[in-house]
Amino acid sequence: GKVPESESELPHALLGMKWAEKYNESAEICNAIGAHHDEIEMTTLIAPIVQVCDAISGARPGARRQVLDSYIQRLKDLEDIAFGFTGVQKAYAIQAGRELRVIVESDKVNDAKAGELSFNISQKIQNDMTYPGQVRVTVIRETRIVNIAK
């Protein structure tokens, strides 16, 4: 995606540097572009900064199609685990999959069972899934009682 087919023999960092030189960009910027994958030596202060920024950008969810697909699947798997338990009405994987919010039917899950459910879901996630860091499981049980005064 980053390099035109006609110039695909050059790595994208070197091609980018070549284009920057062609359009009279400063030597400092050209070096930062060309060196961000260590294909040439870093000779400027900005080059390692660009390299770190490129690594951060490439690591974010959605930066790579394959990574995006596995990221979305992981979120779906988290939600599906919750739906496997009785009384679960809705489940939402949020915070990039670091938290699972589970909404339960208040008439089927009492307060004690809500705590037990949170523990059981977290254990199933721990046993069945591979994920970075931790996943917080929050069970929400809500009862609304409404009256209207006329």
Protein backbone atom coordinates (compact mmCIF):
# COMPACT_ATOMS: atom_id res chain seq x y z
CA GLY A 1 0.00 0.00 0.00
CA LYS A 2 2.81 2.53 0.57
CA VAL A 3 4.84 2.05 -2.62
CA PRO A 4 3.65 2.34 -6.23
CA GLU A 5 4.03 -0.87 -8.25
CA SER A 6 6.40 0.84 -10.68
CA GLU A 7 8.92 1.53 -7.90
CA SER A 8 8.31 -1.47 -5.65
CA GLU A 9 11.97 -2.52 -5.64
CA LEU A 10 12.77 0.27 -3.18
CA PRO A 11 11.69 -0.01 0.47
CA HIS A 12 9.03 2.57 1.29
CA ALA A 13 11.32 4.50 3.65
CA LEU A 14 13.93 5.01 0.94
CA LEU A 15 11.31 5.82 -1.67
CA GLY A 16 9.80 8.39 0.68
CA MET A 17 13.22 9.91 1.23
CA LYS A 18 13.77 10.03 -2.53
CA TRP A 19 10.46 11.84 -3.05
CA ALA A 20 11.24 14.27 -0.21
CA GLU A 21 14.61 15.06 -1.82
CA LYS A 22 12.93 15.51 -5.21
CA TYR A 23 10.60 18.12 -3.71
CA ASN A 24 13.46 19.94 -1.93
CA GLU A 25 12.68 18.90 1.61
CA SER A 26 15.46 19.63 4.13
CA ALA A 27 18.26 17.10 4.59
CA GLU A 28 17.17 16.60 8.21
CA ILE A 29 13.65 15.55 7.17
CA CYS A 30 14.94 13.37 4.32
CA ASN A 31 17.22 11.54 6.74
CA ALA A 32 14.37 11.00 9.22
CA ILE A 33 12.18 9.53 6.49
CA GLY A 34 14.90 7.31 5.04
CA ALA A 35 16.22 6.07 8.39
CA HIS A 36 12.96 5.19 10.13
CA HIS A 37 13.43 1.48 9.27
CA ASP A 38 17.24 1.57 9.69
CA GLU A 39 17.89 1.28 5.95
CA ILE A 40 20.27 4.22 6.21
CA GLU A 41 22.16 5.64 9.19
CA MET A 42 20.35 8.14 11.41
CA THR A 43 22.28 11.40 11.31
CA THR A 44 19.76 13.79 12.81
CA LEU A 45 18.00 14.24 16.13
CA ILE A 46 14.56 13.93 14.57
CA ALA A 47 15.24 10.53 12.93
CA PRO A 48 14.80 8.37 16.07
CA ILE A 49 11.69 10.37 16.98
CA VAL A 50 10.15 9.57 13.58
CA GLN A 51 11.13 5.92 14.05
CA VAL A 52 9.36 5.73 17.43
CA CYS A 53 6.28 7.49 16.03
CA ASP A 54 6.17 5.02 13.13
CA ALA A 55 6.34 2.09 15.56
CA ILE A 56 3.54 3.53 17.70
CA SER A 57 1.41 4.22 14.63
CA GLY A 58 1.95 0.72 13.26
CA ALA A 59 1.06 -0.91 16.59
CA ARG A 60 -2.32 0.77 17.03
CA PRO A 61 -5.47 -1.28 16.43
CA GLY A 62 -6.51 -0.98 12.81
CA ALA A 63 -3.11 0.04 11.45
CA ARG A 64 -2.72 -3.27 9.67
CA ARG A 65 -5.68 -5.09 8.12
CA GLN A 66 -4.69 -8.44 9.61
CA VAL A 67 -4.28 -6.87 13.05
CA LEU A 68 -7.65 -5.14 12.69
CA ASP A 69 -9.38 -8.42 11.86
CA SER A 70 -7.88 -10.22 14.87
CA TYR A 71 -8.65 -7.21 17.09
CA ILE A 72 -12.33 -7.21 16.06
CA GLN A 73 -12.49 -10.99 16.51
CA ARG A 74 -11.04 -10.68 20.02
CA LEU A 75 -13.69 -8.10 20.97
CA LYS A 76 -16.41 -10.37 19.58
CA ASP A 77 -14.97 -13.36 21.47
CA LEU A 78 -15.06 -11.40 24.73
CA GLU A 79 -18.70 -10.50 24.19
CA ASP A 80 -19.58 -14.06 23.16
CA ILE A 81 -18.12 -15.44 26.39
CA ALA A 82 -20.48 -13.20 28.37
CA PHE A 83 -23.48 -14.22 26.26
CA GLY A 84 -22.75 -17.83 27.18
CA PHE A 85 -23.96 -17.18 30.73
CA THR A 86 -27.60 -17.20 31.86
CA GLY A 87 -29.19 -13.83 32.51
CA VAL A 88 -26.87 -11.81 30.27
CA GLN A 89 -28.87 -9.30 28.27
CA LYS A 90 -26.09 -7.28 26.60
CA ALA A 91 -22.29 -7.33 26.53
CA TYR A 92 -19.89 -4.68 25.29
CA ALA A 93 -16.14 -4.99 24.94
CA ILE A 94 -14.79 -1.46 25.49
CA GLN A 95 -11.46 0.29 26.08
CA ALA A 96 -9.81 -1.66 23.24
CA GLY A 97 -10.85 -4.94 24.86
CA ARG A 98 -9.46 -4.08 28.28
CA GLU A 99 -12.95 -4.01 29.78
CA LEU A 100 -16.08 -6.06 29.29
CA ARG A 101 -19.35 -4.47 30.41
CA VAL A 102 -22.08 -7.02 30.96
CA ILE A 103 -25.69 -5.96 31.46
CA VAL A 104 -27.87 -8.57 33.12
CA GLU A 105 -31.61 -9.04 33.53
CA SER A 106 -32.32 -7.89 37.09
CA ASP A 107 -35.19 -10.35 37.54
CA LYS A 108 -32.92 -13.30 36.70
CA VAL A 109 -29.65 -12.20 38.35
CA ASN A 110 -29.66 -10.92 41.95
CA ASP A 111 -26.81 -8.91 43.52
CA ALA A 112 -25.01 -11.98 44.85
CA LYS A 113 -25.24 -13.74 41.49
CA ALA A 114 -23.95 -10.60 39.73
CA GLY A 115 -20.71 -10.83 41.71
CA GLU A 116 -20.45 -14.54 41.01
CA LEU A 117 -21.16 -13.94 37.32
CA SER A 118 -18.41 -11.32 37.08
CA PHE A 119 -15.95 -13.79 38.61
CA ASN A 120 -17.07 -16.69 36.38
CA ILE A 121 -16.85 -14.61 33.20
CA SER A 122 -13.37 -13.38 34.13
CA GLN A 123 -12.25 -16.97 34.81
CA LYS A 124 -13.59 -18.15 31.44
CA ILE A 125 -11.78 -15.29 29.67
CA GLN A 126 -8.58 -16.16 31.53
CA ASN A 127 -8.84 -19.86 30.66
CA ASP A 128 -10.10 -19.62 27.07
CA MET A 129 -8.49 -16.53 25.56
CA THR A 130 -5.08 -15.08 24.86
CA TYR A 131 -4.91 -11.33 25.38
CA PRO A 132 -2.39 -8.68 26.40
CA GLY A 133 -2.65 -7.23 29.90
CA GLN A 134 -5.85 -7.55 31.90
CA VAL A 135 -9.56 -7.57 31.16
CA ARG A 136 -11.87 -5.97 33.72
CA VAL A 137 -15.33 -7.56 33.84
CA THR A 138 -18.05 -5.21 35.06
CA VAL A 139 -21.54 -6.63 35.58
CA ILE A 140 -24.32 -4.07 35.63
CA ARG A 141 -27.64 -4.95 37.22
CA GLU A 142 -30.22 -2.23 37.13
CA THR A 143 -33.76 -1.96 38.39
CA ARG A 144 -35.88 1.01 37.38
CA ILE A 145 -39.12 1.79 39.08
CA VAL A 146 -41.11 4.65 37.60
CA ASN A 147 -44.32 6.26 38.78
CA ILE A 148 -46.08 9.24 37.29
CA ALA A 149 -47.74 11.91 39.39
CA LYS A 150 -50.66 13.62 37.72
